[in-house]
Amino acid sequence: MRKGLRRTKEAPRAWQRMLSGRRLDLLDPSPMDIEIEDIAHGLARVARWNGQTVGEHAFSVAQHSVVVEEIVAHIQPDIEPRWRLAALLHDASEYVIGDMISPFKAALGVDYKLFEERLENAIHTRFGLPAKTPVLIKRLIKQADRACAFFEATQLAGFGHAESLDFFGAPPAGYALKIEPQAPADAQAHYLRRFEVLSEAAGYTAHAQAFDTE
């Protein structure tokens, strides 16, 4: 039996067919079944805050991820391109599992975190990053993630300024953001452009044919 989260040989179907044609095993994800086009398409259609935001369009995880990568670079301008790429991909697993709000993640407990970690490791491996992000880089990305959440909360999700400070802390000095939620197609295209730029800067080149086993 393959390693992963499977418990019985007769487990129900646990894979998803992607638009690229890949069939991703959710319990034992393989880097060979992960494509950036699927990630960008999915994240551009996953809403932050469960869609409870103002505006014509939801604020997507794709757009959020681009902002987080920008904030990481603001906080640490000399950071290596590969860690900026890691910042862009920090929520990439949500193209499969969606954007669960923090209270729900806590309620699901350890099994959810293990599931998320396995998928994240596979995504990183697919795109040339270390499977596990160094602790200091993870902290930096989390700081940027919380800063982005501060702006989202105050501008889109109905939080007051003081309330947002309590939940997310103050954004980094010298950084300002005016959020304009993008249509899914625009968010998807922007995400893909950033991925291509950062992958090239990091010295990674995607060879799609190397993963074509059919």
C-alpha atoms as a PDB file:
ATOM      1  CA  MET A   1       0.000   0.000   0.000  1.00  0.00           C
ATOM      2  CA  ARG A   2       1.310   3.447  -0.889  1.00  0.00           C
ATOM      3  CA  LYS A   3       2.512   5.675   1.897  1.00  0.00           C
ATOM      4  CA  GLY A   4       0.292   8.583   2.837  1.00  0.00           C
ATOM      5  CA  LEU A   5      -2.894   9.055   4.787  1.00  0.00           C
ATOM      6  CA  ARG A   6      -4.735   5.978   3.524  1.00  0.00           C
ATOM      7  CA  ARG A   7      -6.153   3.710   6.227  1.00  0.00           C
ATOM      8  CA  THR A   8      -7.762   0.877   4.275  1.00  0.00           C
ATOM      9  CA  LYS A   9      -7.304  -0.811   0.921  1.00  0.00           C
ATOM     10  CA  GLU A  10     -10.919  -0.092   0.098  1.00  0.00           C
ATOM     11  CA  ALA A  11     -10.775   3.656   0.743  1.00  0.00           C
ATOM     12  CA  PRO A  12     -13.209   5.734  -1.341  1.00  0.00           C
ATOM     13  CA  ARG A  13     -11.963   7.776  -4.292  1.00  0.00           C
ATOM     14  CA  ALA A  14      -9.638  10.499  -3.069  1.00  0.00           C
ATOM     15  CA  TRP A  15      -8.303  12.074  -6.235  1.00  0.00           C
ATOM     16  CA  GLN A  16      -9.299  15.087  -8.269  1.00  0.00           C
ATOM     17  CA  ARG A  17      -9.128  15.523 -12.013  1.00  0.00           C
ATOM     18  CA  MET A  18      -7.536  18.860 -12.919  1.00  0.00           C
ATOM     19  CA  LEU A  19      -8.227  20.905 -16.045  1.00  0.00           C
ATOM     20  CA  SER A  20      -4.707  20.104 -17.237  1.00  0.00           C
ATOM     21  CA  GLY A  21      -5.732  16.448 -17.290  1.00  0.00           C
ATOM     22  CA  ARG A  22      -3.670  15.559 -14.233  1.00  0.00           C
ATOM     23  CA  ARG A  23      -5.260  13.292 -11.629  1.00  0.00           C
ATOM     24  CA  LEU A  24      -4.047  14.417  -8.217  1.00  0.00           C
ATOM     25  CA  ASP A  25      -4.168  11.892  -5.387  1.00  0.00           C
ATOM     26  CA  LEU A  26      -5.219  14.041  -2.444  1.00  0.00           C
ATOM     27  CA  LEU A  27      -3.996  11.627   0.218  1.00  0.00           C
ATOM     28  CA  ASP A  28      -0.639  10.892  -1.387  1.00  0.00           C
ATOM     29  CA  PRO A  29       0.072  13.816  -3.743  1.00  0.00           C
ATOM     30  CA  SER A  30       2.822  13.389  -6.315  1.00  0.00           C
ATOM     31  CA  PRO A  31       4.817  16.345  -7.688  1.00  0.00           C
ATOM     32  CA  MET A  32       4.315  14.786 -11.124  1.00  0.00           C
ATOM     33  CA  ASP A  33       0.596  15.570 -10.950  1.00  0.00           C
ATOM     34  CA  ILE A  34       0.967  19.255 -10.048  1.00  0.00           C
ATOM     35  CA  GLU A  35       0.907  22.026 -12.676  1.00  0.00           C
ATOM     36  CA  ILE A  36       1.182  25.774 -12.088  1.00  0.00           C
ATOM     37  CA  GLU A  37      -1.685  26.418 -14.514  1.00  0.00           C
ATOM     38  CA  ASP A  38      -4.014  24.332 -12.341  1.00  0.00           C
ATOM     39  CA  ILE A  39      -2.832  26.150  -9.229  1.00  0.00           C
ATOM     40  CA  ALA A  40      -3.318  29.599 -10.758  1.00  0.00           C
ATOM     41  CA  HIS A  41      -6.739  28.691 -12.128  1.00  0.00           C
ATOM     42  CA  GLY A  42      -7.903  27.322  -8.795  1.00  0.00           C
ATOM     43  CA  LEU A  43      -6.502  30.062  -6.562  1.00  0.00           C
ATOM     44  CA  ALA A  44      -8.001  32.781  -8.757  1.00  0.00           C
ATOM     45  CA  ARG A  45     -11.402  31.290  -7.986  1.00  0.00           C
ATOM     46  CA  VAL A  46     -10.943  30.683  -4.253  1.00  0.00           C
ATOM     47  CA  ALA A  47     -12.244  33.597  -2.198  1.00  0.00           C
ATOM     48  CA  ARG A  48     -10.534  34.919   0.880  1.00  0.00           C
ATOM     49  CA  TRP A  49     -12.757  35.435   3.953  1.00  0.00           C
ATOM     50  CA  ASN A  50     -15.229  32.879   2.565  1.00  0.00           C
ATOM     51  CA  GLY A  51     -16.312  35.549   0.111  1.00  0.00           C
ATOM     52  CA  GLN A  52     -17.537  37.892   2.860  1.00  0.00           C
ATOM     53  CA  THR A  53     -15.901  40.933   1.294  1.00  0.00           C
ATOM     54  CA  VAL A  54     -17.141  44.076  -0.400  1.00  0.00           C
ATOM     55  CA  GLY A  55     -16.852  44.731  -4.118  1.00  0.00           C
ATOM     56  CA  GLU A  56     -17.909  43.266  -7.428  1.00  0.00           C
ATOM     57  CA  HIS A  57     -15.299  40.505  -7.223  1.00  0.00           C
ATOM     58  CA  ALA A  58     -14.130  38.337  -4.366  1.00  0.00           C
ATOM     59  CA  PHE A  59     -10.576  38.896  -3.207  1.00  0.00           C
ATOM     60  CA  SER A  60      -8.922  35.729  -4.424  1.00  0.00           C
ATOM     61  CA  VAL A  61      -6.149  33.685  -2.895  1.00  0.00           C
ATOM     62  CA  ALA A  62      -4.196  34.235  -6.121  1.00  0.00           C
ATOM     63  CA  GLN A  63      -4.268  38.011  -5.680  1.00  0.00           C
ATOM     64  CA  HIS A  64      -3.537  37.670  -1.971  1.00  0.00           C
ATOM     65  CA  SER A  65      -0.482  35.526  -2.743  1.00  0.00           C
ATOM     66  CA  VAL A  66       0.936  38.114  -5.142  1.00  0.00           C
ATOM     67  CA  VAL A  67       0.565  40.786  -2.459  1.00  0.00           C
ATOM     68  CA  VAL A  68       2.211  38.603   0.192  1.00  0.00           C
ATOM     69  CA  GLU A  69       5.212  38.055  -2.082  1.00  0.00           C
ATOM     70  CA  GLU A  70       5.450  41.826  -2.571  1.00  0.00           C
ATOM     71  CA  ILE A  71       5.333  42.460   1.186  1.00  0.00           C
ATOM     72  CA  VAL A  72       8.051  39.855   1.793  1.00  0.00           C
ATOM     73  CA  ALA A  73      10.293  41.751  -0.610  1.00  0.00           C
ATOM     74  CA  HIS A  74       9.431  45.030   1.126  1.00  0.00           C
ATOM     75  CA  ILE A  75      10.395  43.647   4.529  1.00  0.00           C
ATOM     76  CA  GLN A  76      13.579  41.990   3.260  1.00  0.00           C
ATOM     77  CA  PRO A  77      14.624  43.551  -0.073  1.00  0.00           C
ATOM     78  CA  ASP A  78      17.707  41.349  -0.472  1.00  0.00           C
ATOM     79  CA  ILE A  79      15.842  38.073  -0.067  1.00  0.00           C
ATOM     80  CA  GLU A  80      16.713  35.358  -2.591  1.00  0.00           C
ATOM     81  CA  PRO A  81      14.321  34.915  -5.536  1.00  0.00           C
ATOM     82  CA  ARG A  82      13.608  31.320  -4.515  1.00  0.00           C
ATOM     83  CA  TRP A  83      12.156  32.496  -1.206  1.00  0.00           C
ATOM     84  CA  ARG A  84      10.054  35.102  -3.003  1.00  0.00           C
ATOM     85  CA  LEU A  85       8.771  32.186  -5.077  1.00  0.00           C
ATOM     86  CA  ALA A  86       8.047  30.308  -1.862  1.00  0.00           C
ATOM     87  CA  ALA A  87       6.054  33.335  -0.691  1.00  0.00           C
ATOM     88  CA  LEU A  88       4.027  33.336  -3.903  1.00  0.00           C
ATOM     89  CA  LEU A  89       3.307  29.628  -3.397  1.00  0.00           C
ATOM     90  CA  HIS A  90       2.624  29.852   0.347  1.00  0.00           C
ATOM     91  CA  ASP A  91      -1.105  29.190  -0.119  1.00  0.00           C
ATOM     92  CA  ALA A  92      -0.821  27.079  -3.270  1.00  0.00           C
ATOM     93  CA  SER A  93      -2.309  24.028  -1.524  1.00  0.00           C
ATOM     94  CA  GLU A  94      -5.603  25.913  -1.377  1.00  0.00           C
ATOM     95  CA  TYR A  95      -6.172  25.244  -5.084  1.00  0.00           C
ATOM     96  CA  VAL A  96      -7.227  21.824  -3.841  1.00  0.00           C
ATOM     97  CA  ILE A  97      -8.482  22.335  -0.283  1.00  0.00           C
ATOM     98  CA  GLY A  98      -9.863  25.873  -0.508  1.00  0.00           C
ATOM     99  CA  ASP A  99      -9.212  28.755   1.868  1.00  0.00           C
ATOM    100  CA  MET A 100     -10.386  27.533   5.248  1.00  0.00           C
ATOM    101  CA  ILE A 101     -10.677  30.229   7.879  1.00  0.00           C
ATOM    102  CA  SER A 102      -8.331  29.837  10.858  1.00  0.00           C
ATOM    103  CA  PRO A 103     -11.009  28.803  13.396  1.00  0.00           C
ATOM    104  CA  PHE A 104     -12.101  25.928  11.149  1.00  0.00           C
ATOM    105  CA  LYS A 105      -8.484  24.784  10.653  1.00  0.00           C
ATOM    106  CA  ALA A 106      -8.072  24.684  14.425  1.00  0.00           C
ATOM    107  CA  ALA A 107     -11.257  22.647  14.785  1.00  0.00           C
ATOM    108  CA  LEU A 108     -10.051  20.068  12.244  1.00  0.00           C
ATOM    109  CA  GLY A 109      -6.822  19.570  14.149  1.00  0.00           C
ATOM    110  CA  VAL A 110      -3.620  17.683  13.337  1.00  0.00           C
ATOM    111  CA  ASP A 111      -4.916  15.523  10.461  1.00  0.00           C
ATOM    112  CA  TYR A 112      -5.733  18.618   8.429  1.00  0.00           C
ATOM    113  CA  LYS A 113      -2.297  20.090   9.061  1.00  0.00           C
ATOM    114  CA  LEU A 114      -0.626  16.868   7.960  1.00  0.00           C
ATOM    115  CA  PHE A 115      -2.739  16.798   4.802  1.00  0.00           C
ATOM    116  CA  GLU A 116      -1.823  20.415   4.035  1.00  0.00           C
ATOM    117  CA  GLU A 117       1.861  19.768   4.714  1.00  0.00           C
ATOM    118  CA  ARG A 118       2.020  16.772   2.366  1.00  0.00           C
ATOM    119  CA  LEU A 119       0.468  18.777  -0.446  1.00  0.00           C
ATOM    120  CA  GLU A 120       2.748  21.762   0.173  1.00  0.00           C
ATOM    121  CA  ASN A 121       5.828  19.520   0.116  1.00  0.00           C
ATOM    122  CA  ALA A 122       4.768  18.059  -3.228  1.00  0.00           C
ATOM    123  CA  ILE A 123       4.172  21.536  -4.679  1.00  0.00           C
ATOM    124  CA  HIS A 124       7.592  22.756  -3.560  1.00  0.00           C
ATOM    125  CA  THR A 125       9.288  19.683  -4.990  1.00  0.00           C
ATOM    126  CA  ARG A 126       7.498  20.159  -8.310  1.00  0.00           C
ATOM    127  CA  PHE A 127       8.829  23.681  -8.708  1.00  0.00           C
ATOM    128  CA  GLY A 128      12.388  23.213  -7.477  1.00  0.00           C
ATOM    129  CA  LEU A 129      12.046  24.514  -3.934  1.00  0.00           C
ATOM    130  CA  PRO A 130      13.092  22.630  -0.793  1.00  0.00           C
ATOM    131  CA  ALA A 131      10.176  20.477   0.335  1.00  0.00           C
ATOM    132  CA  LYS A 132      10.286  22.147   3.749  1.00  0.00           C
ATOM    133  CA  THR A 133      10.735  25.907   3.962  1.00  0.00           C
ATOM    134  CA  PRO A 134      13.365  27.070   6.500  1.00  0.00           C
ATOM    135  CA  VAL A 135      11.859  28.294   9.768  1.00  0.00           C
ATOM    136  CA  LEU A 136      13.085  31.881   9.393  1.00  0.00           C
ATOM    137  CA  ILE A 137      11.621  32.126   5.891  1.00  0.00           C
ATOM    138  CA  LYS A 138       8.315  30.684   7.092  1.00  0.00           C
ATOM    139  CA  ARG A 139       8.199  33.328   9.820  1.00  0.00           C
ATOM    140  CA  LEU A 140       8.882  36.078   7.301  1.00  0.00           C
ATOM    141  CA  ILE A 141       6.142  34.812   4.991  1.00  0.00           C
ATOM    142  CA  LYS A 142       3.750  34.556   7.933  1.00  0.00           C
ATOM    143  CA  GLN A 143       4.546  38.153   8.888  1.00  0.00           C
ATOM    144  CA  ALA A 144       3.754  39.262   5.341  1.00  0.00           C
ATOM    145  CA  ASP A 145       0.619  37.108   5.316  1.00  0.00           C
ATOM    146  CA  ARG A 146      -0.667  38.782   8.474  1.00  0.00           C
ATOM    147  CA  ALA A 147       0.147  42.217   7.069  1.00  0.00           C
ATOM    148  CA  CYS A 148      -1.878  41.470   3.959  1.00  0.00           C
ATOM    149  CA  ALA A 149      -4.713  40.171   6.155  1.00  0.00           C
ATOM    150  CA  PHE A 150      -4.670  43.491   8.051  1.00  0.00           C
ATOM    151  CA  PHE A 151      -5.322  45.438   4.838  1.00  0.00           C
ATOM    152  CA  GLU A 152      -7.929  42.925   3.668  1.00  0.00           C
ATOM    153  CA  ALA A 153      -9.737  43.042   6.998  1.00  0.00           C
ATOM    154  CA  THR A 154      -9.946  46.839   7.159  1.00  0.00           C
ATOM    155  CA  GLN A 155     -10.662  47.504   3.486  1.00  0.00           C
ATOM    156  CA  LEU A 156     -12.782  44.544   2.453  1.00  0.00           C
ATOM    157  CA  ALA A 157     -14.036  42.438   5.361  1.00  0.00           C
ATOM    158  CA  GLY A 158     -15.663  45.027   7.642  1.00  0.00           C
ATOM    159  CA  PHE A 159     -13.079  45.051  10.451  1.00  0.00           C
ATOM    160  CA  GLY A 160     -12.288  48.234  12.301  1.00  0.00           C
ATOM    161  CA  HIS A 161      -8.709  49.516  12.428  1.00  0.00           C
ATOM    162  CA  ALA A 162      -8.222  48.789  16.133  1.00  0.00           C
ATOM    163  CA  GLU A 163      -9.795  45.335  15.783  1.00  0.00           C
ATOM    164  CA  SER A 164      -7.469  44.495  12.895  1.00  0.00           C
ATOM    165  CA  LEU A 165      -4.462  45.604  14.894  1.00  0.00           C
ATOM    166  CA  ASP A 166      -5.495  43.251  17.686  1.00  0.00           C
ATOM    167  CA  PHE A 167      -5.891  40.275  15.348  1.00  0.00           C
ATOM    168  CA  PHE A 168      -3.113  40.818  12.812  1.00  0.00           C
ATOM    169  CA  GLY A 169      -0.714  43.407  14.203  1.00  0.00           C
ATOM    170  CA  ALA A 170       0.511  46.510  12.424  1.00  0.00           C
ATOM    171  CA  PRO A 171       1.701  46.236   8.815  1.00  0.00           C
ATOM    172  CA  PRO A 172       5.402  46.874   8.166  1.00  0.00           C
ATOM    173  CA  ALA A 173       6.576  50.478   8.277  1.00  0.00           C
ATOM    174  CA  GLY A 174       6.602  52.236   4.927  1.00  0.00           C
ATOM    175  CA  TYR A 175       4.240  49.826   3.209  1.00  0.00           C
ATOM    176  CA  ALA A 176       0.793  50.931   2.067  1.00  0.00           C
ATOM    177  CA  LEU A 177      -1.778  49.002   0.078  1.00  0.00           C
ATOM    178  CA  LYS A 178      -5.017  49.947  -1.636  1.00  0.00           C
ATOM    179  CA  ILE A 179      -6.838  46.772  -2.550  1.00  0.00           C
ATOM    180  CA  GLU A 180      -8.889  46.481  -5.723  1.00  0.00           C
ATOM    181  CA  PRO A 181     -10.135  42.901  -6.106  1.00  0.00           C
ATOM    182  CA  GLN A 182      -9.470  41.524  -9.567  1.00  0.00           C
ATOM    183  CA  ALA A 183     -11.681  39.433 -11.778  1.00  0.00           C
ATOM    184  CA  PRO A 184     -10.650  35.753 -11.727  1.00  0.00           C
ATOM    185  CA  ALA A 185      -9.088  35.822 -15.191  1.00  0.00           C
ATOM    186  CA  ASP A 186      -6.967  38.857 -14.290  1.00  0.00           C
ATOM    187  CA  ALA A 187      -5.870  37.403 -10.947  1.00  0.00           C
ATOM    188  CA  GLN A 188      -4.970  34.130 -12.657  1.00  0.00           C
ATOM    189  CA  ALA A 189      -2.880  35.869 -15.330  1.00  0.00           C
ATOM    190  CA  HIS A 190      -1.098  38.060 -12.767  1.00  0.00           C
ATOM    191  CA  TYR A 191      -0.242  35.040 -10.621  1.00  0.00           C
ATOM    192  CA  LEU A 192       1.177  33.154 -13.589  1.00  0.00           C
ATOM    193  CA  ARG A 193       3.285  36.147 -14.644  1.00  0.00           C
ATOM    194  CA  ARG A 194       4.806  36.455 -11.180  1.00  0.00           C
ATOM    195  CA  PHE A 195       5.510  32.727 -11.105  1.00  0.00           C
ATOM    196  CA  GLU A 196       7.316  32.877 -14.434  1.00  0.00           C
ATOM    197  CA  VAL A 197       9.404  35.907 -13.424  1.00  0.00           C
ATOM    198  CA  LEU A 198      10.375  34.470 -10.040  1.00  0.00           C
ATOM    199  CA  SER A 199      11.086  30.984 -11.401  1.00  0.00           C
ATOM    200  CA  GLU A 200      13.440  32.427 -13.992  1.00  0.00           C
ATOM    201  CA  ALA A 201      15.116  34.683 -11.418  1.00  0.00           C
ATOM    202  CA  ALA A 202      15.599  31.700  -9.112  1.00  0.00           C
ATOM    203  CA  GLY A 203      17.166  29.676 -11.915  1.00  0.00           C
ATOM    204  CA  TYR A 204      14.334  27.175 -12.165  1.00  0.00           C
ATOM    205  CA  THR A 205      13.013  26.164 -15.551  1.00  0.00           C
ATOM    206  CA  ALA A 206       9.846  24.122 -15.840  1.00  0.00           C
ATOM    207  CA  HIS A 207      10.085  21.298 -18.356  1.00  0.00           C
ATOM    208  CA  ALA A 208       6.491  20.180 -18.687  1.00  0.00           C
ATOM    209  CA  GLN A 209       7.410  17.332 -21.007  1.00  0.00           C
ATOM    210  CA  ALA A 210       9.485  15.721 -18.273  1.00  0.00           C
ATOM    211  CA  PHE A 211       6.263  15.095 -16.380  1.00  0.00           C
ATOM    212  CA  ASP A 212       4.333  13.795 -19.363  1.00  0.00           C
ATOM    213  CA  THR A 213       4.058  10.066 -18.755  1.00  0.00           C
ATOM    214  CA  GLU A 214       1.283   9.345 -21.214  1.00  0.00           C
END
